[in-house]
Amino acid sequence: MTSRLAVIVIDAIEPRPVADFWAAVLGWRIVEEEADIVSLAPEGGAAPGIDVVRVPERKTLKNRLHLDLRADGSTQRQEVERLIALGARRVDVGQGPDVSWVVLADPEGNEFCVLSWRSPLRRPPRSCTRRPRRHATSASRSPRPGSASKAT
């Protein structure tokens, strides 16, 4: 058996403005709202949806998980301009100047990327913030935390 992704949760001090932002970004609608949580879903309610949940603290570090978006019916540049007009802002998470994606943040600082690929037959990058890895030799690799290293 496997698990199924049910919902994506976004933390926010003020859930409603963040939910309104993501609803406008994705063309989704708010389907449920309580004092501390606002739920979004696409028309027809296909899963997974997004829950924007109230938290007491501001975001302080780079997200460990983020969304990668692709513009439908426009260019990457046009979509970035639209998202900035909705309240997104450009952010630098160390992506470098020569990458093909644009890193933005929602009104509360949660990072997401806008990819540049256009063809539905072409796969997107594995992750918009992934940097190319250097190939390490076995002599230069350090052991994983918690693993025993072999004495030579």
Protein backbone atom coordinates (compact mmCIF):
# COMPACT_ATOMS: atom_id res chain seq x y z
CA MET A 1 0.00 0.00 0.00
CA THR A 2 1.00 3.63 -0.48
CA SER A 3 -0.09 7.01 0.79
CA ARG A 4 -1.87 9.64 -1.26
CA LEU A 5 -1.15 13.35 -1.10
CA ALA A 6 -4.31 14.87 0.38
CA VAL A 7 -3.56 18.54 0.99
CA ILE A 8 -0.69 21.02 0.87
CA VAL A 9 -0.47 23.18 4.00
CA ILE A 10 0.88 26.73 3.97
CA ASP A 11 1.57 28.46 7.30
CA ALA A 12 0.54 32.11 7.68
CA ILE A 13 0.07 34.67 10.41
CA GLU A 14 -2.95 35.98 8.46
CA PRO A 15 -4.47 33.06 6.51
CA ARG A 16 -7.10 34.95 4.50
CA PRO A 17 -4.78 37.28 2.52
CA VAL A 18 -2.44 34.36 1.76
CA ALA A 19 -5.39 32.19 0.71
CA ASP A 20 -6.73 35.00 -1.51
CA PHE A 21 -3.27 35.30 -3.10
CA TRP A 22 -3.02 31.56 -3.88
CA ALA A 23 -6.63 31.42 -5.11
CA ALA A 24 -5.82 34.21 -7.59
CA VAL A 25 -2.49 32.62 -8.59
CA LEU A 26 -4.02 29.23 -9.34
CA GLY A 27 -7.52 30.27 -10.44
CA TRP A 28 -8.94 28.24 -7.53
CA ARG A 29 -11.67 29.11 -5.07
CA ILE A 30 -11.99 29.16 -1.32
CA VAL A 31 -14.10 26.14 -0.38
CA GLU A 32 -14.09 26.39 3.41
CA GLU A 33 -13.07 28.94 6.00
CA GLU A 34 -12.73 28.75 9.77
CA ALA A 35 -11.03 31.11 12.23
CA ASP A 36 -7.58 29.54 11.79
CA ILE A 37 -7.73 27.77 8.43
CA VAL A 38 -8.78 28.62 4.89
CA SER A 39 -9.12 25.78 2.35
CA LEU A 40 -8.67 26.20 -1.42
CA ALA A 41 -9.46 23.80 -4.21
CA PRO A 42 -9.70 23.84 -7.98
CA GLU A 43 -13.09 23.81 -9.65
CA GLY A 44 -14.40 20.26 -9.31
CA GLY A 45 -12.50 19.76 -6.05
CA ALA A 46 -9.72 17.57 -7.42
CA ALA A 47 -7.14 16.75 -4.76
CA PRO A 48 -4.77 17.87 -3.42
CA GLY A 49 -6.11 21.16 -2.20
CA ILE A 50 -4.33 23.83 -0.19
CA ASP A 51 -5.02 24.68 3.44
CA VAL A 52 -3.67 27.99 4.71
CA VAL A 53 -3.27 27.64 8.46
CA ARG A 54 -2.76 30.32 11.10
CA VAL A 55 0.54 30.11 13.01
CA PRO A 56 1.82 32.53 15.66
CA GLU A 57 5.33 33.03 14.27
CA ARG A 58 6.72 34.64 11.13
CA LYS A 59 8.69 32.60 8.63
CA THR A 60 12.40 32.96 9.31
CA LEU A 61 14.26 30.45 7.10
CA LYS A 62 14.08 29.18 3.52
CA ASN A 63 11.27 26.68 2.96
CA ARG A 64 12.26 23.01 2.99
CA LEU A 65 9.36 22.32 0.62
CA HIS A 66 8.06 24.66 -2.08
CA LEU A 67 5.76 24.75 -5.08
CA ASP A 68 7.01 24.94 -8.68
CA LEU A 69 4.54 26.66 -11.01
CA ARG A 70 4.33 26.73 -14.79
CA ALA A 71 2.56 29.49 -16.69
CA ASP A 72 -0.41 28.27 -18.72
CA GLY A 73 -1.29 30.44 -21.69
CA SER A 74 1.44 33.03 -21.18
CA THR A 75 5.19 33.36 -21.00
CA GLN A 76 7.22 32.98 -17.84
CA ARG A 77 7.92 36.73 -17.86
CA GLN A 78 4.22 37.60 -18.21
CA GLU A 79 3.31 35.19 -15.42
CA VAL A 80 5.97 36.59 -13.09
CA GLU A 81 4.65 40.11 -13.75
CA ARG A 82 1.08 38.92 -12.99
CA LEU A 83 2.17 37.23 -9.76
CA ILE A 84 4.08 40.32 -8.61
CA ALA A 85 0.96 42.42 -9.29
CA LEU A 86 -0.98 39.97 -7.07
CA GLY A 87 1.47 40.50 -4.19
CA ALA A 88 4.42 38.17 -4.83
CA ARG A 89 7.98 39.46 -4.59
CA ARG A 90 11.29 38.27 -6.02
CA VAL A 91 13.61 36.54 -3.55
CA ASP A 92 17.13 35.22 -3.61
CA VAL A 93 17.60 31.77 -2.10
CA GLY A 94 21.02 31.30 -3.65
CA GLN A 95 19.73 30.24 -7.06
CA GLY A 96 22.36 32.16 -9.02
CA PRO A 97 21.92 34.53 -11.97
CA ASP A 98 21.88 32.02 -14.82
CA VAL A 99 18.99 29.73 -13.84
CA SER A 100 15.90 29.21 -16.01
CA TRP A 101 13.39 29.69 -13.19
CA VAL A 102 12.30 32.68 -11.12
CA VAL A 103 12.04 32.44 -7.34
CA LEU A 104 9.21 34.43 -5.78
CA ALA A 105 7.60 34.59 -2.34
CA ASP A 106 3.94 34.89 -1.41
CA PRO A 107 2.75 37.80 0.80
CA GLU A 108 4.10 36.08 3.95
CA GLY A 109 7.43 35.02 2.46
CA ASN A 110 6.76 31.40 1.44
CA GLU A 111 8.98 30.74 -1.56
CA PHE A 112 7.81 29.25 -4.85
CA CYS A 113 9.24 29.08 -8.35
CA VAL A 114 7.96 29.88 -11.82
CA LEU A 115 9.49 27.48 -14.33
CA SER A 116 10.37 28.39 -17.90
CA TRP A 117 9.65 25.16 -19.75
CA ARG A 118 6.82 25.34 -22.26
CA SER A 119 6.28 22.00 -23.93
CA PRO A 120 4.05 19.47 -22.15
CA LEU A 121 6.35 16.78 -23.56
CA ARG A 122 9.42 18.21 -21.90
CA ARG A 123 10.03 17.46 -18.24
CA PRO A 124 10.60 20.35 -15.82
CA PRO A 125 13.82 20.63 -13.85
CA ARG A 126 13.99 18.24 -10.92
CA SER A 127 13.71 21.21 -8.57
CA CYS A 128 13.86 24.90 -9.24
CA THR A 129 16.28 25.56 -6.39
CA ARG A 130 18.49 22.52 -6.90
CA ARG A 131 22.06 23.36 -7.74
CA PRO A 132 24.24 21.07 -9.85
CA ARG A 133 26.11 18.64 -7.64
CA ARG A 134 29.84 18.16 -7.84
CA HIS A 135 30.86 14.58 -8.27
CA ALA A 136 32.84 13.66 -5.18
CA THR A 137 35.40 10.92 -5.14
CA SER A 138 35.00 8.24 -2.52
CA ALA A 139 38.04 9.66 -0.70
CA SER A 140 36.44 13.11 -0.37
CA ARG A 141 33.00 11.95 0.75
CA SER A 142 32.20 12.35 4.38
CA PRO A 143 30.09 9.71 6.12
CA ARG A 144 26.40 10.36 6.69
CA PRO A 145 25.50 11.53 10.17
CA GLY A 146 24.91 8.55 12.40
CA SER A 147 26.79 6.13 10.15
CA ALA A 148 30.00 4.42 11.18
CA SER A 149 33.03 5.15 9.06
CA LYS A 150 35.40 2.35 8.12
CA ALA A 151 38.97 2.54 9.31
CA THR A 152 41.55 1.99 6.60
